[in-house]
Amino acid sequence: QLQLVESGGGLVQPGGSLRLSCAVSGNTWNIHAIAWFRQAPGTERQGLACIVTDDLSTYYRNSVKGRFTISRDNAKNTVYLQMNGLQPVDTAVYYCAAADQIYRLCSLWRDPNYWGQGVQVTVSS
């Protein structure tokens, strides 16, 4: 099976930055894309950024383009989400997810095969 473990969350002041990490382990042979989602209180889970494992193509939700960057370090088996210019509206639980189909995950933001446990990000002064 595949395991996804997020880290790097916490409390940050408005205007600050955080880098989230998603450590990937286990059987990755059928995984073609990894994405970051978030869920704020009272809202549905929303896809933010996606990366294709084969060619490192990236996809973003319009609301985070220019502020958030997804990347992958193959040597460390880790996917990152760099978040800049954070504001209180970004407060949420952030999840990484993996899927076998690029279109389903990176365009439709639907039905990952695997989820991480989530990590809290709080933006407050």
C-alpha atoms as a PDB file:
ATOM      1  CA  GLN A   1       0.000   0.000   0.000  1.00  0.00           C
ATOM      2  CA  LEU A   2       0.907   3.676  -0.252  1.00  0.00           C
ATOM      3  CA  GLN A   3       1.460   6.013   2.690  1.00  0.00           C
ATOM      4  CA  LEU A   4       1.279   9.818   2.612  1.00  0.00           C
ATOM      5  CA  VAL A   5       2.391  11.809   5.670  1.00  0.00           C
ATOM      6  CA  GLU A   6       2.072  15.605   5.796  1.00  0.00           C
ATOM      7  CA  SER A   7       4.213  17.898   7.923  1.00  0.00           C
ATOM      8  CA  GLY A   8       5.203  21.556   8.167  1.00  0.00           C
ATOM      9  CA  GLY A   9       1.941  23.121   9.279  1.00  0.00           C
ATOM     10  CA  GLY A  10       1.417  25.448  12.197  1.00  0.00           C
ATOM     11  CA  LEU A  11       0.629  29.031  13.123  1.00  0.00           C
ATOM     12  CA  VAL A  12       1.825  31.892  10.919  1.00  0.00           C
ATOM     13  CA  GLN A  13       1.092  35.624  10.872  1.00  0.00           C
ATOM     14  CA  PRO A  14      -0.652  37.275   7.899  1.00  0.00           C
ATOM     15  CA  GLY A  15       1.798  37.839   5.058  1.00  0.00           C
ATOM     16  CA  GLY A  16       3.991  34.971   6.160  1.00  0.00           C
ATOM     17  CA  SER A  17       5.035  31.782   4.403  1.00  0.00           C
ATOM     18  CA  LEU A  18       5.005  28.058   5.091  1.00  0.00           C
ATOM     19  CA  ARG A  19       6.268  25.024   3.225  1.00  0.00           C
ATOM     20  CA  LEU A  20       4.265  21.846   3.659  1.00  0.00           C
ATOM     21  CA  SER A  21       5.829  18.449   3.009  1.00  0.00           C
ATOM     22  CA  CYS A  22       4.212  15.191   1.936  1.00  0.00           C
ATOM     23  CA  ALA A  23       6.419  12.149   2.457  1.00  0.00           C
ATOM     24  CA  VAL A  24       5.526   9.303   0.099  1.00  0.00           C
ATOM     25  CA  SER A  25       6.325   5.679   0.856  1.00  0.00           C
ATOM     26  CA  GLY A  26       5.161   2.208  -0.074  1.00  0.00           C
ATOM     27  CA  ASN A  27       4.131   0.943  -3.483  1.00  0.00           C
ATOM     28  CA  THR A  28       4.078   3.876  -5.921  1.00  0.00           C
ATOM     29  CA  TRP A  29       4.066   1.990  -9.233  1.00  0.00           C
ATOM     30  CA  ASN A  30       0.487   2.973 -10.135  1.00  0.00           C
ATOM     31  CA  ILE A  31       0.627   6.593  -8.890  1.00  0.00           C
ATOM     32  CA  HIS A  32       0.752   9.200 -11.664  1.00  0.00           C
ATOM     33  CA  ALA A  33      -0.223  12.401  -9.844  1.00  0.00           C
ATOM     34  CA  ILE A  34      -0.041  13.909  -6.369  1.00  0.00           C
ATOM     35  CA  ALA A  35      -2.110  16.883  -5.226  1.00  0.00           C
ATOM     36  CA  TRP A  36      -2.700  19.201  -2.293  1.00  0.00           C
ATOM     37  CA  PHE A  37      -6.199  19.893  -0.991  1.00  0.00           C
ATOM     38  CA  ARG A  38      -7.510  21.964   1.891  1.00  0.00           C
ATOM     39  CA  GLN A  39     -10.684  22.054   3.951  1.00  0.00           C
ATOM     40  CA  ALA A  40     -11.725  25.026   6.055  1.00  0.00           C
ATOM     41  CA  PRO A  41     -14.371  24.717   8.771  1.00  0.00           C
ATOM     42  CA  GLY A  42     -17.847  24.405   7.285  1.00  0.00           C
ATOM     43  CA  THR A  43     -16.584  23.980   3.703  1.00  0.00           C
ATOM     44  CA  GLU A  44     -15.980  21.129   1.299  1.00  0.00           C
ATOM     45  CA  ARG A  45     -12.482  19.885   0.601  1.00  0.00           C
ATOM     46  CA  GLN A  46     -10.943  21.846  -2.286  1.00  0.00           C
ATOM     47  CA  GLY A  47      -8.080  20.920  -4.608  1.00  0.00           C
ATOM     48  CA  LEU A  48      -5.264  23.482  -4.796  1.00  0.00           C
ATOM     49  CA  ALA A  49      -2.271  22.164  -6.726  1.00  0.00           C
ATOM     50  CA  CYS A  50      -1.320  18.995  -8.564  1.00  0.00           C
ATOM     51  CA  ILE A  51       1.902  17.539  -9.956  1.00  0.00           C
ATOM     52  CA  VAL A  52       2.374  14.737 -12.482  1.00  0.00           C
ATOM     53  CA  THR A  53       4.950  12.268 -11.229  1.00  0.00           C
ATOM     54  CA  ASP A  54       6.335  11.342 -14.665  1.00  0.00           C
ATOM     55  CA  ASP A  55       7.092  14.723 -16.254  1.00  0.00           C
ATOM     56  CA  LEU A  56       6.561  17.090 -13.257  1.00  0.00           C
ATOM     57  CA  SER A  57       3.842  19.086 -15.010  1.00  0.00           C
ATOM     58  CA  THR A  58       1.888  21.203 -12.527  1.00  0.00           C
ATOM     59  CA  TYR A  59      -1.713  22.402 -12.282  1.00  0.00           C
ATOM     60  CA  TYR A  60      -3.248  24.971  -9.937  1.00  0.00           C
ATOM     61  CA  ARG A  61      -6.617  26.238  -8.865  1.00  0.00           C
ATOM     62  CA  ASN A  62      -6.913  29.852 -10.025  1.00  0.00           C
ATOM     63  CA  SER A  63      -7.341  31.193  -6.506  1.00  0.00           C
ATOM     64  CA  VAL A  64      -3.813  30.145  -5.478  1.00  0.00           C
ATOM     65  CA  LYS A  65      -1.865  30.744  -8.700  1.00  0.00           C
ATOM     66  CA  GLY A  66       1.100  33.005  -8.053  1.00  0.00           C
ATOM     67  CA  ARG A  67       1.120  32.371  -4.299  1.00  0.00           C
ATOM     68  CA  PHE A  68       1.378  28.577  -3.985  1.00  0.00           C
ATOM     69  CA  THR A  69       3.936  26.348  -5.703  1.00  0.00           C
ATOM     70  CA  ILE A  70       3.947  22.551  -5.816  1.00  0.00           C
ATOM     71  CA  SER A  71       7.200  20.676  -6.390  1.00  0.00           C
ATOM     72  CA  ARG A  72       8.740  17.239  -5.949  1.00  0.00           C
ATOM     73  CA  ASP A  73      12.097  16.063  -4.623  1.00  0.00           C
ATOM     74  CA  ASN A  74      12.537  12.543  -5.963  1.00  0.00           C
ATOM     75  CA  ALA A  75      15.663  11.914  -3.896  1.00  0.00           C
ATOM     76  CA  LYS A  76      13.640  12.405  -0.711  1.00  0.00           C
ATOM     77  CA  ASN A  77      10.372  10.933  -2.029  1.00  0.00           C
ATOM     78  CA  THR A  78       8.670  14.139  -0.948  1.00  0.00           C
ATOM     79  CA  VAL A  79       6.177  16.557  -2.503  1.00  0.00           C
ATOM     80  CA  TYR A  80       6.106  20.141  -1.248  1.00  0.00           C
ATOM     81  CA  LEU A  81       3.616  22.984  -1.199  1.00  0.00           C
ATOM     82  CA  GLN A  82       5.269  26.387  -0.812  1.00  0.00           C
ATOM     83  CA  MET A  83       2.697  28.912   0.404  1.00  0.00           C
ATOM     84  CA  ASN A  84       3.491  32.631   0.311  1.00  0.00           C
ATOM     85  CA  GLY A  85       1.488  35.693   1.249  1.00  0.00           C
ATOM     86  CA  LEU A  86      -0.728  33.725   3.617  1.00  0.00           C
ATOM     87  CA  GLN A  87      -3.918  35.344   4.872  1.00  0.00           C
ATOM     88  CA  PRO A  88      -6.574  34.278   7.397  1.00  0.00           C
ATOM     89  CA  VAL A  89      -8.716  32.921   4.553  1.00  0.00           C
ATOM     90  CA  ASP A  90      -6.009  30.284   4.014  1.00  0.00           C
ATOM     91  CA  THR A  91      -6.641  28.790   7.457  1.00  0.00           C
ATOM     92  CA  ALA A  92      -7.599  25.150   6.921  1.00  0.00           C
ATOM     93  CA  VAL A  93      -6.529  21.553   7.258  1.00  0.00           C
ATOM     94  CA  TYR A  94      -4.239  20.735   4.325  1.00  0.00           C
ATOM     95  CA  TYR A  95      -4.088  17.237   2.831  1.00  0.00           C
ATOM     96  CA  CYS A  96      -1.926  15.560   0.233  1.00  0.00           C
ATOM     97  CA  ALA A  97      -3.445  12.958  -2.053  1.00  0.00           C
ATOM     98  CA  ALA A  98      -2.316  10.519  -4.746  1.00  0.00           C
ATOM     99  CA  ALA A  99      -4.101   9.034  -7.745  1.00  0.00           C
ATOM    100  CA  ASP A 100      -3.597   6.682 -10.667  1.00  0.00           C
ATOM    101  CA  GLN A 101      -5.241   9.002 -13.238  1.00  0.00           C
ATOM    102  CA  ILE A 102      -3.880  12.453 -13.996  1.00  0.00           C
ATOM    103  CA  TYR A 103      -7.079  13.897 -15.472  1.00  0.00           C
ATOM    104  CA  ARG A 104      -9.280  12.815 -12.572  1.00  0.00           C
ATOM    105  CA  LEU A 105      -6.992  14.267  -9.917  1.00  0.00           C
ATOM    106  CA  CYS A 106      -5.429  17.316 -11.595  1.00  0.00           C
ATOM    107  CA  SER A 107      -8.367  18.554 -13.705  1.00  0.00           C
ATOM    108  CA  LEU A 108     -11.469  17.288 -11.907  1.00  0.00           C
ATOM    109  CA  TRP A 109     -10.009  17.354  -8.383  1.00  0.00           C
ATOM    110  CA  ARG A 110     -11.849  14.107  -7.662  1.00  0.00           C
ATOM    111  CA  ASP A 111     -11.423  10.741  -5.987  1.00  0.00           C
ATOM    112  CA  PRO A 112      -7.787  10.282  -5.024  1.00  0.00           C
ATOM    113  CA  ASN A 113      -6.807   6.692  -4.416  1.00  0.00           C
ATOM    114  CA  TYR A 114      -4.958   7.695  -1.230  1.00  0.00           C
ATOM    115  CA  TRP A 115      -5.148  10.509   1.332  1.00  0.00           C
ATOM    116  CA  GLY A 116      -2.745  11.736   3.960  1.00  0.00           C
ATOM    117  CA  GLN A 117      -3.948  12.439   7.488  1.00  0.00           C
ATOM    118  CA  GLY A 118      -3.977  16.235   7.124  1.00  0.00           C
ATOM    119  CA  VAL A 119      -2.069  19.041   8.819  1.00  0.00           C
ATOM    120  CA  GLN A 120      -3.449  22.253  10.348  1.00  0.00           C
ATOM    121  CA  VAL A 121      -2.430  25.648   8.963  1.00  0.00           C
ATOM    122  CA  THR A 122      -3.610  28.669  10.944  1.00  0.00           C
ATOM    123  CA  VAL A 123      -3.005  32.235   9.739  1.00  0.00           C
ATOM    124  CA  SER A 124      -3.646  34.750  12.504  1.00  0.00           C
ATOM    125  CA  SER A 125      -2.114  37.768  14.201  1.00  0.00           C
END
